[in-house]
Structure formats: structure tokens, C-alpha cells
Amino acid sequence: MRECNTEENLAKCNCSYEPCSRKGICCECMSYHRRSGEFPACFFPDDVEKTYNRSIDNFIKTYQKRGQWW
């Protein structure tokens, strides 16, 4: 199994929720948000991520409106 490269992940992480204990630990972040019926911050553009609305519905609306994924 591959080890988590937390430092590299943190450099790419756009999560603005500062007290998050899962920052840089993508497998834990993905699992947490999946259980909550959400996507993690990295699925959203920075301006949308800052609203903390990580719902699947918000993801769909964002990319329908903007017409792009990444």
C-alpha cells in the first residue's frame, strides 16, 4: 500500500476550513465527505469552496453554470 504524502497533498489542498484534522490526508477526507453525502473541497473552485456548501447538488449546479470540471 502506498503511504500518504501529506506535505504534497497539503500543497494542493484548497480546503479553507482551518480546524480540519483531515487536511492533507486525502483518503480520510474523501471517506468523511462521502459519509456526509458531500464532495471534499478539492472538487470545487476556490470561491465556491469557501461557502462550505460541499453538497452534490451544489457541485452539479456549479459545473452546469461554469461549463467545466477541472
C-alpha atoms as a PDB file:
ATOM      1  CA  MET A   1       0.000   0.000   0.000  1.00  0.00           C
ATOM      2  CA  ARG A   2       1.243   3.448  -0.853  1.00  0.00           C
ATOM      3  CA  GLU A   3       1.910   5.841   2.007  1.00  0.00           C
ATOM      4  CA  CYS A   4       0.158   9.191   2.199  1.00  0.00           C
ATOM      5  CA  ASN A   5       2.324  12.136   1.192  1.00  0.00           C
ATOM      6  CA  THR A   6       0.723  14.690   3.490  1.00  0.00           C
ATOM      7  CA  GLU A   7       3.090  17.555   2.626  1.00  0.00           C
ATOM      8  CA  GLU A   8       2.480  17.185  -1.112  1.00  0.00           C
ATOM      9  CA  ASN A   9      -1.268  16.867  -0.533  1.00  0.00           C
ATOM     10  CA  LEU A  10      -1.337  19.997   1.646  1.00  0.00           C
ATOM     11  CA  ALA A  11       0.342  21.990  -1.117  1.00  0.00           C
ATOM     12  CA  LYS A  12      -2.591  21.157  -3.410  1.00  0.00           C
ATOM     13  CA  CYS A  13      -5.392  21.299  -0.818  1.00  0.00           C
ATOM     14  CA  ASN A  14      -7.775  24.249  -1.163  1.00  0.00           C
ATOM     15  CA  CYS A  15      -9.799  23.459   1.966  1.00  0.00           C
ATOM     16  CA  SER A  16     -10.366  26.708   3.858  1.00  0.00           C
ATOM     17  CA  TYR A  17     -11.739  25.025   6.992  1.00  0.00           C
ATOM     18  CA  GLU A  18      -8.761  25.612   9.297  1.00  0.00           C
ATOM     19  CA  PRO A  19      -9.529  23.284  12.212  1.00  0.00           C
ATOM     20  CA  CYS A  20      -9.906  20.284   9.850  1.00  0.00           C
ATOM     21  CA  SER A  21      -7.951  17.296  11.143  1.00  0.00           C
ATOM     22  CA  ARG A  22      -8.072  15.572   7.740  1.00  0.00           C
ATOM     23  CA  LYS A  23      -6.179  18.211   5.717  1.00  0.00           C
ATOM     24  CA  GLY A  24      -3.546  16.527   3.600  1.00  0.00           C
ATOM     25  CA  ILE A  25      -4.889  13.066   4.361  1.00  0.00           C
ATOM     26  CA  CYS A  26      -6.983  12.648   1.237  1.00  0.00           C
ATOM     27  CA  CYS A  27      -8.236   9.119   1.937  1.00  0.00           C
ATOM     28  CA  GLU A  28      -9.701  10.239   5.288  1.00  0.00           C
ATOM     29  CA  CYS A  29     -11.131  13.415   3.756  1.00  0.00           C
ATOM     30  CA  MET A  30     -12.816  11.522   0.908  1.00  0.00           C
ATOM     31  CA  SER A  31     -14.256   8.955   3.306  1.00  0.00           C
ATOM     32  CA  TYR A  32     -15.583  11.639   5.672  1.00  0.00           C
ATOM     33  CA  HIS A  33     -17.297  13.643   2.939  1.00  0.00           C
ATOM     34  CA  ARG A  34     -18.674  10.537   1.248  1.00  0.00           C
ATOM     35  CA  ARG A  35     -20.349   9.504   4.513  1.00  0.00           C
ATOM     36  CA  SER A  36     -21.818  13.014   4.696  1.00  0.00           C
ATOM     37  CA  GLY A  37     -23.155  12.900   1.123  1.00  0.00           C
ATOM     38  CA  GLU A  38     -20.728  15.614   0.046  1.00  0.00           C
ATOM     39  CA  PHE A  39     -17.645  16.169  -2.066  1.00  0.00           C
ATOM     40  CA  PRO A  40     -14.402  17.427  -0.494  1.00  0.00           C
ATOM     41  CA  ALA A  41     -13.099  20.963  -1.043  1.00  0.00           C
ATOM     42  CA  CYS A  42     -10.785  19.964  -3.899  1.00  0.00           C
ATOM     43  CA  PHE A  43     -13.810  19.221  -6.093  1.00  0.00           C
ATOM     44  CA  PHE A  44     -14.823  22.895  -6.025  1.00  0.00           C
ATOM     45  CA  PRO A  45     -13.326  26.129  -7.333  1.00  0.00           C
ATOM     46  CA  ASP A  46     -11.881  28.234  -4.503  1.00  0.00           C
ATOM     47  CA  ASP A  47     -14.707  30.783  -4.461  1.00  0.00           C
ATOM     48  CA  VAL A  48     -17.364  28.064  -4.162  1.00  0.00           C
ATOM     49  CA  GLU A  49     -15.376  26.030  -1.635  1.00  0.00           C
ATOM     50  CA  LYS A  50     -15.305  28.998   0.744  1.00  0.00           C
ATOM     51  CA  THR A  51     -19.096  28.792   1.096  1.00  0.00           C
ATOM     52  CA  TYR A  52     -18.662  25.352   2.768  1.00  0.00           C
ATOM     53  CA  ASN A  53     -21.586  24.096   0.686  1.00  0.00           C
ATOM     54  CA  ARG A  54     -20.000  20.865  -0.471  1.00  0.00           C
ATOM     55  CA  SER A  55     -23.251  19.170  -1.407  1.00  0.00           C
ATOM     56  CA  ILE A  56     -23.546  17.080  -4.545  1.00  0.00           C
ATOM     57  CA  ASP A  57     -26.321  19.410  -5.685  1.00  0.00           C
ATOM     58  CA  ASN A  58     -24.013  22.423  -5.364  1.00  0.00           C
ATOM     59  CA  PHE A  59     -21.302  20.566  -7.285  1.00  0.00           C
ATOM     60  CA  ILE A  60     -23.695  19.860 -10.159  1.00  0.00           C
ATOM     61  CA  LYS A  61     -25.057  23.425 -10.216  1.00  0.00           C
ATOM     62  CA  THR A  62     -21.566  24.913 -10.145  1.00  0.00           C
ATOM     63  CA  TYR A  63     -20.333  22.933 -13.117  1.00  0.00           C
ATOM     64  CA  GLN A  64     -23.534  23.276 -15.095  1.00  0.00           C
ATOM     65  CA  LYS A  65     -23.215  27.041 -14.706  1.00  0.00           C
ATOM     66  CA  ARG A  66     -19.472  27.212 -15.397  1.00  0.00           C
ATOM     67  CA  GLY A  67     -19.383  24.517 -18.043  1.00  0.00           C
ATOM     68  CA  GLN A  68     -16.145  22.944 -16.868  1.00  0.00           C
ATOM     69  CA  TRP A  69     -14.948  20.345 -14.414  1.00  0.00           C
ATOM     70  CA  TRP A  70     -11.299  20.978 -13.594  1.00  0.00           C
END
